[in-house]
Amino acid sequence: MPPKAPAKAARTPRRAKGAAKVAPRGPLSAQDWIRAALNLIIREGVQAVAVEPLAREIGVTKGSFYWHFQNRDHLVAEALKAWAEDQGRDVVARWGGVQDAERRLRVLLFAAFEDQENGLLFAALSASSEDPRVQPWLRRVSEQRLALGVESFKALGLPDMEAKQKALLAYAAYAGYFQLLRATPAAVASASDLSGYVHHLVDGLVPPKKAKK
């Protein structure tokens, strides 16, 4: 039996439809297949994930897939697990070093919107929110993000209910923006640049500082 592929391999680059296939530099790891699956979900949705198209895109035979996964549902499950776990690590990294509560909230919101790839992946998964493979991971990530939003607004001194309402508004603005960007990118681009959109959102949600007496 051939040796198992190493834990990490060269990251598979994204390519547009019709672009030339890129030959891998070495044996593919599970992470290579997961990255390719997530990229395909962004472009075409969860239902598009299948072994043969992914193998063609990566430039390998589909036999290497079965070194790491039992079937495509196993791949989808591992890809969504990796995505959900990455959200937690990413937020902690951005949250930890900013002491001022208002600045921390602004940093988190701008960082969330600037991560276009992650936002479009979220929108693609939301389109399949009733899929039993997607639902638990999408719920987990959404609950984590809402809880972080509530914590962020409470750190500004807002009461619990108001913090929950503002966190829900911020998350709805995020979800709606990326769903529209995925469906009608030209319409979104014509209405507002991203920086202006987020500035308006944050200014509307963050209460003005009280003037010192």
Foldseek 3Di string as FASTA:
>chain_A
DDDQDDQDADAQDDDDPPDDADEGPDQDHLVNLLNLQLSCCLVPANVPQAQVVSCVRNVHDSVSVVSHAPGRLRSLLVSLVVLLVVLVVVLCVLQPPDDDLLVSVLSVLLVLLVPLSNLSSLLRLVVVCVPPSRVVSNVSSVVVQLVVQLVSLVSLVDDNVLSSVLSVVSVVLSNVLSNCCSVPVVVSVVPDDSVVVSVVSSVVRRDDDDDDD
